[in-house]
Amino acid sequence: MPIYMEWLLIFPMSTTIKKTHAAVRRSIGLCVIFFCSFPAFIASAESLPPVTVVYPDIQAPYRAVLDQVMAGIADQIRGQAVNYPVPSGHDTSALQQQLERQPGGAVIGLGRRGFDALKALRPSRPVVIGAVNITPQSLPPGFAGISLVPDPVILFSRLHQLAPQVRRVHVIFNPEANGWLMALAREAARSHGVELIGHEARDLRTAARLYRDVSGAVSGVADALWLPPEDGTLDEIAVLPAVLQEAWQREVVVFSGNPLHVKRGALFALYPDNYMLGRSLAKMALELAKGRGAGVIPLGDLLAAVNLRTAEHLNLQALVHKRASFDAVFP
C-alpha cells in the first residue's frame, strides 16, 4: 500500500478542529511507536536464517513460473535466499557441496527435479518442497511441502459461492495419489451441505468407464463433477471433450484445478498464485528451521478462472456480473 494511503487511513478528513487534533495526536503516537520499533525490525530482518532454493534449470516459458515463485520466496525472507539451478543430468555431489558452503537455514526444492535431487541427497537440514504435485506418502521423513492441489476448503467454499444449488459432487480419482485429498474434501463438502461421491479408479480404462457412467447418470444444476488434480485418471484427449459435452447438455456444473479446462467449457477452476506460493513456502521453511511444522498441506494461494458462456448456459447470472472478481475470464 502506498505511504500516502496509509496516512489517509491513520489521519482521515475531519469536520471539526477537535477531531483533527485527536487525529494528529493518534498519528504522532503511531509514528513514535513505528520509529521506536524500527531498529528491532532491522535486527529481525538481519537475523533471518538463509534459505537455499534448489530449482530445475529450464527455459522459457516454464521458467517464468519458477521465477514468480522465487520472487515470492525472496520477498518473504527479505533477500536472504541463495538460488541453485539443477540442470538435467545433474551431479548430486555438486549440490552437496553447495549446501555445505551455505550455512544454516532450510532448503526449498522446486519442481520435480528439485524434489528428486533433494530426495536423493537427504540433506540434514529442514527441506520444504513446492511447485510440484506431492502427497504425504511421497515425502521422505523430515520433509514438508505444499502440494499444487487446491485446498478443498477453498474449493468448496468457492463452489458454494458460485453455484449454491449444487448438492452432490462426483469425483473420479486414484486413491494412491489423491486419497489423502479426498479425506479433506469430504469434510469441506459436508460443511456446505454437499455430498461428495467418490469413484476410485487406478487406471485410465477404469476411469474412462466411470466417467461415461457418471456423465450419463447426473443431470441438472444440483449435480456437479469435480475434475481432480493430475493423478492419471483423466484422458485429456479422448475423455475430457466427451465429459464436457455431456455436462453441457445435461446442465451439470464442472469445476477443476486447471484453467485450461475452463477454457474448454468447465465452469470454474482454482489454480496456483505462484508469487504467493513462494511466500508461503518461505514461511514454512522458516517455521521448519525452528522445529515447527511438517508434512504436506494443499495449496491455499489460489487464483480463479471462470467461463462466462458456461455460466450463462447454467443460468448463473450472478457470475456474469462478477467477472471482475476473477483472475482469468473465458471466452
C-alpha atoms as a PDB file:
ATOM      1  CA  MET A   1       0.000   0.000   0.000  1.00  0.00           C
ATOM      2  CA  PRO A   2       1.442   3.484  -0.852  1.00  0.00           C
ATOM      3  CA  ILE A   3       2.535   5.583   2.136  1.00  0.00           C
ATOM      4  CA  TYR A   4       0.063   8.340   1.397  1.00  0.00           C
ATOM      5  CA  MET A   5      -2.798   5.830   1.505  1.00  0.00           C
ATOM      6  CA  GLU A   6      -1.612   4.572   4.900  1.00  0.00           C
ATOM      7  CA  TRP A   7      -1.695   8.135   6.143  1.00  0.00           C
ATOM      8  CA  LEU A   8      -5.198   8.603   4.809  1.00  0.00           C
ATOM      9  CA  LEU A   9      -6.238   5.630   6.931  1.00  0.00           C
ATOM     10  CA  ILE A  10      -4.452   6.968  10.009  1.00  0.00           C
ATOM     11  CA  PHE A  11      -5.456  10.594   9.527  1.00  0.00           C
ATOM     12  CA  PRO A  12      -8.923  10.781   7.948  1.00  0.00           C
ATOM     13  CA  MET A  13     -10.570  14.076   6.983  1.00  0.00           C
ATOM     14  CA  SER A  14     -12.365  15.727   9.942  1.00  0.00           C
ATOM     15  CA  THR A  15     -15.212  18.174  10.062  1.00  0.00           C
ATOM     16  CA  THR A  16     -14.193  19.796  13.358  1.00  0.00           C
ATOM     17  CA  ILE A  17     -10.959  21.133  14.835  1.00  0.00           C
ATOM     18  CA  LYS A  18     -11.359  18.832  17.825  1.00  0.00           C
ATOM     19  CA  LYS A  19     -11.468  15.717  15.664  1.00  0.00           C
ATOM     20  CA  THR A  20      -8.464  16.954  13.701  1.00  0.00           C
ATOM     21  CA  HIS A  21      -6.406  17.463  16.869  1.00  0.00           C
ATOM     22  CA  ALA A  22      -7.336  13.971  18.080  1.00  0.00           C
ATOM     23  CA  ALA A  23      -6.323  12.502  14.751  1.00  0.00           C
ATOM     24  CA  VAL A  24      -2.983  14.357  14.868  1.00  0.00           C
ATOM     25  CA  ARG A  25      -2.269  13.036  18.370  1.00  0.00           C
ATOM     26  CA  ARG A  26      -3.060   9.483  17.242  1.00  0.00           C
ATOM     27  CA  SER A  27      -0.827   9.916  14.205  1.00  0.00           C
ATOM     28  CA  ILE A  28       2.083  11.212  16.307  1.00  0.00           C
ATOM     29  CA  GLY A  29       1.645   8.272  18.673  1.00  0.00           C
ATOM     30  CA  LEU A  30       1.752   5.808  15.809  1.00  0.00           C
ATOM     31  CA  CYS A  31       4.885   7.488  14.420  1.00  0.00           C
ATOM     32  CA  VAL A  32       6.625   7.203  17.793  1.00  0.00           C
ATOM     33  CA  ILE A  33       5.731   3.504  18.003  1.00  0.00           C
ATOM     34  CA  PHE A  34       6.967   2.906  14.455  1.00  0.00           C
ATOM     35  CA  PHE A  35      10.317   4.665  14.824  1.00  0.00           C
ATOM     36  CA  CYS A  36      10.961   3.121  18.223  1.00  0.00           C
ATOM     37  CA  SER A  37      10.353  -0.352  16.815  1.00  0.00           C
ATOM     38  CA  PHE A  38      12.276   0.268  13.560  1.00  0.00           C
ATOM     39  CA  PRO A  39      15.678  -0.889  14.933  1.00  0.00           C
ATOM     40  CA  ALA A  40      14.041  -4.129  16.132  1.00  0.00           C
ATOM     41  CA  PHE A  41      12.569  -4.605  12.654  1.00  0.00           C
ATOM     42  CA  ILE A  42      16.024  -4.203  11.080  1.00  0.00           C
ATOM     43  CA  ALA A  43      17.524  -6.631  13.587  1.00  0.00           C
ATOM     44  CA  SER A  44      14.859  -9.247  12.912  1.00  0.00           C
ATOM     45  CA  ALA A  45      15.459  -8.927   9.158  1.00  0.00           C
ATOM     46  CA  GLU A  46      19.200  -9.436   9.637  1.00  0.00           C
ATOM     47  CA  SER A  47      18.661 -12.442  11.925  1.00  0.00           C
ATOM     48  CA  LEU A  48      16.589 -14.399   9.422  1.00  0.00           C
ATOM     49  CA  PRO A  49      18.391 -17.641   8.552  1.00  0.00           C
ATOM     50  CA  PRO A  50      19.373 -18.032   4.901  1.00  0.00           C
ATOM     51  CA  VAL A  51      17.375 -20.317   2.637  1.00  0.00           C
ATOM     52  CA  THR A  52      18.791 -22.285  -0.281  1.00  0.00           C
ATOM     53  CA  VAL A  53      16.380 -22.705  -3.208  1.00  0.00           C
ATOM     54  CA  VAL A  54      17.014 -25.724  -5.448  1.00  0.00           C
ATOM     55  CA  TYR A  55      15.145 -25.450  -8.735  1.00  0.00           C
ATOM     56  CA  PRO A  56      15.252 -27.010 -12.226  1.00  0.00           C
ATOM     57  CA  ASP A  57      17.347 -25.156 -14.780  1.00  0.00           C
ATOM     58  CA  ILE A  58      14.747 -24.880 -17.538  1.00  0.00           C
ATOM     59  CA  GLN A  59      13.988 -22.443 -20.332  1.00  0.00           C
ATOM     60  CA  ALA A  60      11.075 -20.095 -21.003  1.00  0.00           C
ATOM     61  CA  PRO A  61       8.123 -20.158 -20.837  1.00  0.00           C
ATOM     62  CA  TYR A  62       8.186 -22.660 -17.955  1.00  0.00           C
ATOM     63  CA  ARG A  63      10.974 -20.741 -16.229  1.00  0.00           C
ATOM     64  CA  ALA A  64       8.608 -17.789 -15.754  1.00  0.00           C
ATOM     65  CA  VAL A  65       6.543 -19.791 -13.247  1.00  0.00           C
ATOM     66  CA  LEU A  66       9.615 -20.618 -11.174  1.00  0.00           C
ATOM     67  CA  ASP A  67      10.790 -17.002 -11.332  1.00  0.00           C
ATOM     68  CA  GLN A  68       7.473 -15.904  -9.810  1.00  0.00           C
ATOM     69  CA  VAL A  69       7.763 -18.483  -7.025  1.00  0.00           C
ATOM     70  CA  MET A  70      11.368 -17.491  -6.281  1.00  0.00           C
ATOM     71  CA  ALA A  71      10.408 -13.804  -6.223  1.00  0.00           C
ATOM     72  CA  GLY A  72       7.855 -14.605  -3.529  1.00  0.00           C
ATOM     73  CA  ILE A  73      10.457 -16.544  -1.544  1.00  0.00           C
ATOM     74  CA  ALA A  74      12.985 -13.707  -1.766  1.00  0.00           C
ATOM     75  CA  ASP A  75      10.449 -11.071  -0.715  1.00  0.00           C
ATOM     76  CA  GLN A  76       9.214 -13.110   2.245  1.00  0.00           C
ATOM     77  CA  ILE A  77      12.702 -13.666   3.688  1.00  0.00           C
ATOM     78  CA  ARG A  78      13.932 -10.212   2.683  1.00  0.00           C
ATOM     79  CA  GLY A  79      16.506 -11.344   0.149  1.00  0.00           C
ATOM     80  CA  GLN A  80      18.125 -13.998   2.349  1.00  0.00           C
ATOM     81  CA  ALA A  81      17.973 -16.642  -0.393  1.00  0.00           C
ATOM     82  CA  VAL A  82      20.616 -18.433  -2.449  1.00  0.00           C
ATOM     83  CA  ASN A  83      19.272 -19.947  -5.676  1.00  0.00           C
ATOM     84  CA  TYR A  84      20.852 -23.111  -7.026  1.00  0.00           C
ATOM     85  CA  PRO A  85      19.773 -24.301 -10.513  1.00  0.00           C
ATOM     86  CA  VAL A  86      19.767 -28.044 -11.151  1.00  0.00           C
ATOM     87  CA  PRO A  87      20.427 -28.946 -14.799  1.00  0.00           C
ATOM     88  CA  SER A  88      19.243 -32.104 -16.493  1.00  0.00           C
ATOM     89  CA  GLY A  89      21.515 -34.982 -15.519  1.00  0.00           C
ATOM     90  CA  HIS A  90      22.805 -33.060 -12.503  1.00  0.00           C
ATOM     91  CA  ASP A  91      25.673 -34.120 -10.267  1.00  0.00           C
ATOM     92  CA  THR A  92      24.417 -34.824  -6.743  1.00  0.00           C
ATOM     93  CA  SER A  93      27.876 -34.209  -5.283  1.00  0.00           C
ATOM     94  CA  ALA A  94      27.890 -30.646  -6.655  1.00  0.00           C
ATOM     95  CA  LEU A  95      24.601 -29.934  -4.876  1.00  0.00           C
ATOM     96  CA  GLN A  96      26.011 -31.484  -1.709  1.00  0.00           C
ATOM     97  CA  GLN A  97      28.987 -29.144  -1.844  1.00  0.00           C
ATOM     98  CA  GLN A  98      26.722 -26.158  -2.427  1.00  0.00           C
ATOM     99  CA  LEU A  99      24.644 -26.983   0.646  1.00  0.00           C
ATOM    100  CA  GLU A 100      27.775 -27.433   2.735  1.00  0.00           C
ATOM    101  CA  ARG A 101      29.019 -23.988   1.697  1.00  0.00           C
ATOM    102  CA  GLN A 102      25.686 -22.385   2.626  1.00  0.00           C
ATOM    103  CA  PRO A 103      25.468 -22.256   6.434  1.00  0.00           C
ATOM    104  CA  GLY A 104      22.297 -22.843   8.436  1.00  0.00           C
ATOM    105  CA  GLY A 105      18.720 -22.324   7.371  1.00  0.00           C
ATOM    106  CA  ALA A 106      16.430 -24.565   5.391  1.00  0.00           C
ATOM    107  CA  VAL A 107      16.295 -25.805   1.815  1.00  0.00           C
ATOM    108  CA  ILE A 108      13.378 -25.283  -0.587  1.00  0.00           C
ATOM    109  CA  GLY A 109      13.108 -27.655  -3.533  1.00  0.00           C
ATOM    110  CA  LEU A 110      11.015 -26.533  -6.510  1.00  0.00           C
ATOM    111  CA  GLY A 111       9.566 -28.674  -9.272  1.00  0.00           C
ATOM    112  CA  ARG A 112      10.020 -32.387  -9.911  1.00  0.00           C
ATOM    113  CA  ARG A 113      13.783 -32.050 -10.494  1.00  0.00           C
ATOM    114  CA  GLY A 114      14.352 -30.060  -7.322  1.00  0.00           C
ATOM    115  CA  PHE A 115      12.304 -32.584  -5.356  1.00  0.00           C
ATOM    116  CA  ASP A 116      14.106 -35.604  -6.800  1.00  0.00           C
ATOM    117  CA  ALA A 117      17.535 -34.053  -6.218  1.00  0.00           C
ATOM    118  CA  LEU A 118      16.872 -33.379  -2.532  1.00  0.00           C
ATOM    119  CA  LYS A 119      15.128 -36.703  -2.018  1.00  0.00           C
ATOM    120  CA  ALA A 120      18.235 -38.485  -3.332  1.00  0.00           C
ATOM    121  CA  LEU A 121      20.544 -36.324  -1.238  1.00  0.00           C
ATOM    122  CA  ARG A 122      18.554 -36.349   2.021  1.00  0.00           C
ATOM    123  CA  PRO A 123      20.249 -33.249   3.499  1.00  0.00           C
ATOM    124  CA  SER A 124      20.456 -32.912   7.260  1.00  0.00           C
ATOM    125  CA  ARG A 125      18.738 -29.506   7.104  1.00  0.00           C
ATOM    126  CA  PRO A 126      14.983 -28.925   7.012  1.00  0.00           C
ATOM    127  CA  VAL A 127      13.589 -29.390   3.495  1.00  0.00           C
ATOM    128  CA  VAL A 128      10.401 -27.878   2.024  1.00  0.00           C
ATOM    129  CA  ILE A 129       9.061 -28.959  -1.377  1.00  0.00           C
ATOM    130  CA  GLY A 130       6.820 -26.886  -3.664  1.00  0.00           C
ATOM    131  CA  ALA A 131       5.725 -26.181  -7.254  1.00  0.00           C
ATOM    132  CA  VAL A 132       5.025 -29.884  -7.812  1.00  0.00           C
ATOM    133  CA  ASN A 133       2.224 -32.320  -7.008  1.00  0.00           C
ATOM    134  CA  ILE A 134       3.214 -34.200  -3.860  1.00  0.00           C
ATOM    135  CA  THR A 135       1.426 -36.421  -1.362  1.00  0.00           C
ATOM    136  CA  PRO A 136       2.162 -37.205   2.284  1.00  0.00           C
ATOM    137  CA  GLN A 137       3.307 -40.666   1.175  1.00  0.00           C
ATOM    138  CA  SER A 138       5.761 -39.293  -1.381  1.00  0.00           C
ATOM    139  CA  LEU A 139       7.847 -37.249   1.075  1.00  0.00           C
ATOM    140  CA  PRO A 140      10.792 -38.741   2.993  1.00  0.00           C
ATOM    141  CA  PRO A 141      10.769 -38.359   6.802  1.00  0.00           C
ATOM    142  CA  GLY A 142      11.554 -34.829   7.902  1.00  0.00           C
ATOM    143  CA  PHE A 143      10.448 -33.238   4.635  1.00  0.00           C
ATOM    144  CA  ALA A 144       7.496 -30.846   4.403  1.00  0.00           C
ATOM    145  CA  GLY A 145       5.770 -29.205   1.489  1.00  0.00           C
ATOM    146  CA  ILE A 146       2.847 -27.532  -0.215  1.00  0.00           C
ATOM    147  CA  SER A 147       1.200 -29.574  -2.939  1.00  0.00           C
ATOM    148  CA  LEU A 148      -0.186 -27.944  -6.072  1.00  0.00           C
ATOM    149  CA  VAL A 149      -3.648 -29.380  -5.435  1.00  0.00           C
ATOM    150  CA  PRO A 150      -6.167 -26.680  -4.410  1.00  0.00           C
ATOM    151  CA  ASP A 151      -7.214 -26.684  -0.780  1.00  0.00           C
ATOM    152  CA  PRO A 152     -10.659 -28.362  -0.683  1.00  0.00           C
ATOM    153  CA  VAL A 153     -11.828 -25.877   1.946  1.00  0.00           C
ATOM    154  CA  ILE A 154     -11.314 -23.015  -0.509  1.00  0.00           C
ATOM    155  CA  LEU A 155     -12.521 -25.063  -3.480  1.00  0.00           C
ATOM    156  CA  PHE A 156     -15.863 -25.994  -1.947  1.00  0.00           C
ATOM    157  CA  SER A 157     -16.315 -22.543  -0.479  1.00  0.00           C
ATOM    158  CA  ARG A 158     -15.963 -21.096  -3.985  1.00  0.00           C
ATOM    159  CA  LEU A 159     -18.329 -23.733  -5.379  1.00  0.00           C
ATOM    160  CA  HIS A 160     -20.942 -22.775  -2.781  1.00  0.00           C
ATOM    161  CA  GLN A 161     -20.462 -19.108  -3.620  1.00  0.00           C
ATOM    162  CA  LEU A 162     -20.773 -19.570  -7.387  1.00  0.00           C
ATOM    163  CA  ALA A 163     -23.300 -22.422  -7.594  1.00  0.00           C
ATOM    164  CA  PRO A 164     -25.106 -22.690  -4.233  1.00  0.00           C
ATOM    165  CA  GLN A 165     -27.711 -25.033  -5.710  1.00  0.00           C
ATOM    166  CA  VAL A 166     -25.185 -27.890  -6.017  1.00  0.00           C
ATOM    167  CA  ARG A 167     -25.940 -30.717  -3.579  1.00  0.00           C
ATOM    168  CA  ARG A 168     -23.902 -33.617  -4.987  1.00  0.00           C
ATOM    169  CA  VAL A 169     -20.356 -33.608  -6.302  1.00  0.00           C
ATOM    170  CA  HIS A 170     -18.955 -36.620  -8.146  1.00  0.00           C
ATOM    171  CA  VAL A 171     -15.202 -37.132  -8.429  1.00  0.00           C
ATOM    172  CA  ILE A 172     -13.222 -39.905 -10.091  1.00  0.00           C
ATOM    173  CA  PHE A 173      -9.797 -40.259  -8.507  1.00  0.00           C
ATOM    174  CA  ASN A 174      -6.818 -42.509  -7.974  1.00  0.00           C
ATOM    175  CA  PRO A 175      -6.736 -43.352  -4.237  1.00  0.00           C
ATOM    176  CA  GLU A 176      -2.964 -43.820  -4.295  1.00  0.00           C
ATOM    177  CA  ALA A 177      -2.396 -40.240  -5.473  1.00  0.00           C
ATOM    178  CA  ASN A 178      -5.399 -38.342  -4.117  1.00  0.00           C
ATOM    179  CA  GLY A 179      -6.788 -40.458  -1.311  1.00  0.00           C
ATOM    180  CA  TRP A 180      -5.381 -38.033   1.279  1.00  0.00           C
ATOM    181  CA  LEU A 181      -7.026 -35.142  -0.543  1.00  0.00           C
ATOM    182  CA  MET A 182     -10.448 -36.801  -0.620  1.00  0.00           C
ATOM    183  CA  ALA A 183     -10.417 -37.198   3.145  1.00  0.00           C
ATOM    184  CA  LEU A 184     -10.054 -33.418   3.427  1.00  0.00           C
ATOM    185  CA  ALA A 185     -12.576 -32.803   0.642  1.00  0.00           C
ATOM    186  CA  ARG A 186     -15.347 -34.808   2.310  1.00  0.00           C
ATOM    187  CA  GLU A 187     -15.166 -32.592   5.387  1.00  0.00           C
ATOM    188  CA  ALA A 188     -15.076 -29.430   3.275  1.00  0.00           C
ATOM    189  CA  ALA A 189     -18.075 -30.553   1.213  1.00  0.00           C
ATOM    190  CA  ARG A 190     -20.064 -31.557   4.287  1.00  0.00           C
ATOM    191  CA  SER A 191     -19.588 -28.105   5.812  1.00  0.00           C
ATOM    192  CA  HIS A 192     -21.531 -26.656   2.847  1.00  0.00           C
ATOM    193  CA  GLY A 193     -24.267 -29.290   2.827  1.00  0.00           C
ATOM    194  CA  VAL A 194     -22.781 -31.053  -0.192  1.00  0.00           C
ATOM    195  CA  GLU A 195     -22.401 -34.810  -0.592  1.00  0.00           C
ATOM    196  CA  LEU A 196     -19.061 -35.822  -2.107  1.00  0.00           C
ATOM    197  CA  ILE A 197     -19.407 -39.061  -4.053  1.00  0.00           C
ATOM    198  CA  GLY A 198     -16.008 -40.553  -4.824  1.00  0.00           C
ATOM    199  CA  HIS A 199     -15.360 -43.163  -7.519  1.00  0.00           C
ATOM    200  CA  GLU A 200     -11.993 -44.908  -7.289  1.00  0.00           C
ATOM    201  CA  ALA A 201     -10.003 -45.662 -10.441  1.00  0.00           C
ATOM    202  CA  ARG A 202      -6.412 -46.864 -10.584  1.00  0.00           C
ATOM    203  CA  ASP A 203      -6.008 -46.793 -14.366  1.00  0.00           C
ATOM    204  CA  LEU A 204      -7.263 -44.908 -17.423  1.00  0.00           C
ATOM    205  CA  ARG A 205      -9.537 -47.706 -18.642  1.00  0.00           C
ATOM    206  CA  THR A 206     -11.445 -47.891 -15.353  1.00  0.00           C
ATOM    207  CA  ALA A 207     -11.598 -44.109 -15.168  1.00  0.00           C
ATOM    208  CA  ALA A 208     -12.961 -43.819 -18.726  1.00  0.00           C
ATOM    209  CA  ARG A 209     -15.764 -46.248 -17.896  1.00  0.00           C
ATOM    210  CA  LEU A 210     -16.597 -44.371 -14.697  1.00  0.00           C
ATOM    211  CA  TYR A 211     -16.656 -41.018 -16.483  1.00  0.00           C
ATOM    212  CA  ARG A 212     -19.075 -42.483 -19.016  1.00  0.00           C
ATOM    213  CA  ASP A 213     -21.315 -43.922 -16.290  1.00  0.00           C
ATOM    214  CA  VAL A 214     -21.279 -40.805 -14.103  1.00  0.00           C
ATOM    215  CA  SER A 215     -21.830 -38.428 -17.036  1.00  0.00           C
ATOM    216  CA  GLY A 216     -24.878 -40.440 -18.067  1.00  0.00           C
ATOM    217  CA  ALA A 217     -26.326 -40.507 -14.548  1.00  0.00           C
ATOM    218  CA  VAL A 218     -26.006 -36.891 -13.391  1.00  0.00           C
ATOM    219  CA  SER A 219     -28.413 -34.222 -14.572  1.00  0.00           C
ATOM    220  CA  GLY A 220     -29.372 -30.688 -13.590  1.00  0.00           C
ATOM    221  CA  VAL A 221     -27.820 -27.934 -11.589  1.00  0.00           C
ATOM    222  CA  ALA A 222     -27.914 -29.848  -8.295  1.00  0.00           C
ATOM    223  CA  ASP A 223     -25.160 -32.141  -9.622  1.00  0.00           C
ATOM    224  CA  ALA A 224     -21.518 -31.270 -10.190  1.00  0.00           C
ATOM    225  CA  LEU A 225     -18.426 -33.031 -11.441  1.00  0.00           C
ATOM    226  CA  TRP A 226     -15.022 -32.281  -9.966  1.00  0.00           C
ATOM    227  CA  LEU A 227     -12.077 -32.971 -12.268  1.00  0.00           C
ATOM    228  CA  PRO A 228      -9.364 -33.838  -9.741  1.00  0.00           C
ATOM    229  CA  PRO A 229      -5.694 -32.860  -9.794  1.00  0.00           C
ATOM    230  CA  GLU A 230      -3.403 -34.851 -12.054  1.00  0.00           C
ATOM    231  CA  ASP A 231      -3.431 -38.462 -10.926  1.00  0.00           C
ATOM    232  CA  GLY A 232      -3.519 -40.366 -14.219  1.00  0.00           C
ATOM    233  CA  THR A 233      -7.301 -40.862 -14.324  1.00  0.00           C
ATOM    234  CA  LEU A 234      -8.386 -38.263 -16.880  1.00  0.00           C
ATOM    235  CA  ASP A 235      -7.638 -38.723 -20.566  1.00  0.00           C
ATOM    236  CA  GLU A 236      -7.472 -35.109 -21.737  1.00  0.00           C
ATOM    237  CA  ILE A 237      -7.701 -36.050 -25.427  1.00  0.00           C
ATOM    238  CA  ALA A 238     -10.308 -38.803 -25.637  1.00  0.00           C
ATOM    239  CA  VAL A 239     -12.399 -38.474 -22.463  1.00  0.00           C
ATOM    240  CA  LEU A 240     -12.419 -34.799 -21.407  1.00  0.00           C
ATOM    241  CA  PRO A 241     -14.202 -33.415 -24.538  1.00  0.00           C
ATOM    242  CA  ALA A 242     -16.964 -36.023 -24.175  1.00  0.00           C
ATOM    243  CA  VAL A 243     -17.350 -35.279 -20.458  1.00  0.00           C
ATOM    244  CA  LEU A 244     -17.652 -31.526 -21.050  1.00  0.00           C
ATOM    245  CA  GLN A 245     -20.123 -32.024 -23.907  1.00  0.00           C
ATOM    246  CA  GLU A 246     -22.327 -34.298 -21.802  1.00  0.00           C
ATOM    247  CA  ALA A 247     -22.180 -31.862 -18.878  1.00  0.00           C
ATOM    248  CA  TRP A 248     -23.230 -29.013 -21.181  1.00  0.00           C
ATOM    249  CA  GLN A 249     -26.216 -30.936 -22.476  1.00  0.00           C
ATOM    250  CA  ARG A 250     -27.314 -32.026 -19.012  1.00  0.00           C
ATOM    251  CA  GLU A 251     -26.597 -28.612 -17.412  1.00  0.00           C
ATOM    252  CA  VAL A 252     -24.160 -30.036 -14.879  1.00  0.00           C
ATOM    253  CA  VAL A 253     -21.533 -27.889 -13.161  1.00  0.00           C
ATOM    254  CA  VAL A 254     -17.938 -28.939 -13.874  1.00  0.00           C
ATOM    255  CA  PHE A 255     -15.040 -27.466 -11.888  1.00  0.00           C
ATOM    256  CA  SER A 256     -11.340 -28.154 -11.780  1.00  0.00           C
ATOM    257  CA  GLY A 257      -7.856 -27.138 -10.713  1.00  0.00           C
ATOM    258  CA  ASN A 258      -6.781 -26.459 -14.290  1.00  0.00           C
ATOM    259  CA  PRO A 259      -7.694 -23.178 -16.037  1.00  0.00           C
ATOM    260  CA  LEU A 260      -7.332 -24.901 -19.420  1.00  0.00           C
ATOM    261  CA  HIS A 261     -10.399 -26.959 -18.510  1.00  0.00           C
ATOM    262  CA  VAL A 262     -12.297 -23.689 -18.062  1.00  0.00           C
ATOM    263  CA  LYS A 263     -11.169 -22.529 -21.481  1.00  0.00           C
ATOM    264  CA  ARG A 264     -12.668 -25.738 -22.881  1.00  0.00           C
ATOM    265  CA  GLY A 265     -16.012 -25.352 -21.084  1.00  0.00           C
ATOM    266  CA  ALA A 266     -15.747 -26.131 -17.351  1.00  0.00           C
ATOM    267  CA  LEU A 267     -17.472 -23.541 -15.160  1.00  0.00           C
ATOM    268  CA  PHE A 268     -14.522 -22.541 -12.964  1.00  0.00           C
ATOM    269  CA  ALA A 269     -11.092 -23.571 -11.766  1.00  0.00           C
ATOM    270  CA  LEU A 270      -8.758 -22.590  -8.952  1.00  0.00           C
ATOM    271  CA  TYR A 271      -5.081 -22.569  -9.861  1.00  0.00           C
ATOM    272  CA  PRO A 272      -1.791 -21.504  -8.204  1.00  0.00           C
ATOM    273  CA  ASP A 273      -0.830 -17.948  -7.400  1.00  0.00           C
ATOM    274  CA  ASN A 274       2.874 -18.551  -7.981  1.00  0.00           C
ATOM    275  CA  TYR A 275       4.190 -15.471  -6.184  1.00  0.00           C
ATOM    276  CA  MET A 276       2.112 -16.068  -3.056  1.00  0.00           C
ATOM    277  CA  LEU A 277       3.050 -19.752  -3.147  1.00  0.00           C
ATOM    278  CA  GLY A 278       6.671 -18.649  -2.906  1.00  0.00           C
ATOM    279  CA  ARG A 279       5.908 -16.570   0.160  1.00  0.00           C
ATOM    280  CA  SER A 280       4.098 -19.487   1.795  1.00  0.00           C
ATOM    281  CA  LEU A 281       6.999 -21.850   1.057  1.00  0.00           C
ATOM    282  CA  ALA A 282       9.417 -19.387   2.675  1.00  0.00           C
ATOM    283  CA  LYS A 283       7.199 -19.131   5.773  1.00  0.00           C
ATOM    284  CA  MET A 284       7.046 -22.924   6.018  1.00  0.00           C
ATOM    285  CA  ALA A 285      10.836 -23.175   5.632  1.00  0.00           C
ATOM    286  CA  LEU A 286      11.436 -20.657   8.428  1.00  0.00           C
ATOM    287  CA  GLU A 287       8.993 -22.465  10.708  1.00  0.00           C
ATOM    288  CA  LEU A 288      10.555 -25.826   9.916  1.00  0.00           C
ATOM    289  CA  ALA A 289      14.006 -24.418  10.718  1.00  0.00           C
ATOM    290  CA  LYS A 290      12.629 -23.586  14.175  1.00  0.00           C
ATOM    291  CA  GLY A 291      11.385 -27.154  14.620  1.00  0.00           C
ATOM    292  CA  ARG A 292       7.744 -26.331  13.982  1.00  0.00           C
ATOM    293  CA  GLY A 293       5.506 -27.919  11.353  1.00  0.00           C
ATOM    294  CA  ALA A 294       5.916 -30.860   8.978  1.00  0.00           C
ATOM    295  CA  GLY A 295       4.019 -32.891   6.420  1.00  0.00           C
ATOM    296  CA  VAL A 296       2.114 -31.871   3.299  1.00  0.00           C
ATOM    297  CA  ILE A 297      -0.654 -29.299   3.012  1.00  0.00           C
ATOM    298  CA  PRO A 298      -2.815 -28.447  -0.029  1.00  0.00           C
ATOM    299  CA  LEU A 299      -2.381 -25.153  -1.827  1.00  0.00           C
ATOM    300  CA  GLY A 300      -4.143 -22.165  -0.317  1.00  0.00           C
ATOM    301  CA  ASP A 301      -2.636 -19.463  -2.561  1.00  0.00           C
ATOM    302  CA  LEU A 302      -5.084 -19.601  -5.430  1.00  0.00           C
ATOM    303  CA  LEU A 303      -6.349 -17.633  -8.406  1.00  0.00           C
ATOM    304  CA  ALA A 304      -9.741 -18.198 -10.040  1.00  0.00           C
ATOM    305  CA  ALA A 305     -10.814 -18.670 -13.659  1.00  0.00           C
ATOM    306  CA  VAL A 306     -14.403 -18.690 -14.934  1.00  0.00           C
ATOM    307  CA  ASN A 307     -16.176 -19.438 -18.212  1.00  0.00           C
ATOM    308  CA  LEU A 308     -18.949 -16.847 -18.605  1.00  0.00           C
ATOM    309  CA  ARG A 309     -20.529 -18.641 -21.557  1.00  0.00           C
ATOM    310  CA  THR A 310     -20.958 -21.731 -19.390  1.00  0.00           C
ATOM    311  CA  ALA A 311     -22.293 -19.585 -16.541  1.00  0.00           C
ATOM    312  CA  GLU A 312     -24.942 -18.097 -18.824  1.00  0.00           C
ATOM    313  CA  HIS A 313     -25.877 -21.564 -20.080  1.00  0.00           C
ATOM    314  CA  LEU A 314     -26.362 -22.732 -16.478  1.00  0.00           C
ATOM    315  CA  ASN A 315     -28.404 -19.602 -15.672  1.00  0.00           C
ATOM    316  CA  LEU A 316     -25.822 -18.481 -13.128  1.00  0.00           C
ATOM    317  CA  GLN A 317     -26.304 -14.823 -13.982  1.00  0.00           C
ATOM    318  CA  ALA A 318     -24.619 -13.617 -10.805  1.00  0.00           C
ATOM    319  CA  LEU A 319     -21.282 -14.853 -12.151  1.00  0.00           C
ATOM    320  CA  VAL A 320     -21.659 -12.801 -15.302  1.00  0.00           C
ATOM    321  CA  HIS A 321     -21.885  -9.615 -13.236  1.00  0.00           C
ATOM    322  CA  LYS A 322     -18.923 -10.610 -11.009  1.00  0.00           C
ATOM    323  CA  ARG A 323     -16.348 -11.083 -13.743  1.00  0.00           C
ATOM    324  CA  ALA A 324     -14.053  -8.526 -12.114  1.00  0.00           C
ATOM    325  CA  SER A 325     -13.627 -10.855  -9.126  1.00  0.00           C
ATOM    326  CA  PHE A 326     -11.904 -13.485 -11.289  1.00  0.00           C
ATOM    327  CA  ASP A 327      -8.285 -13.560 -12.373  1.00  0.00           C
ATOM    328  CA  ALA A 328      -8.972 -15.190 -15.754  1.00  0.00           C
ATOM    329  CA  VAL A 329     -12.186 -14.967 -17.761  1.00  0.00           C
ATOM    330  CA  PHE A 330     -13.138 -17.110 -20.765  1.00  0.00           C
ATOM    331  CA  PRO A 331     -14.047 -16.943 -23.590  1.00  0.00           C
END
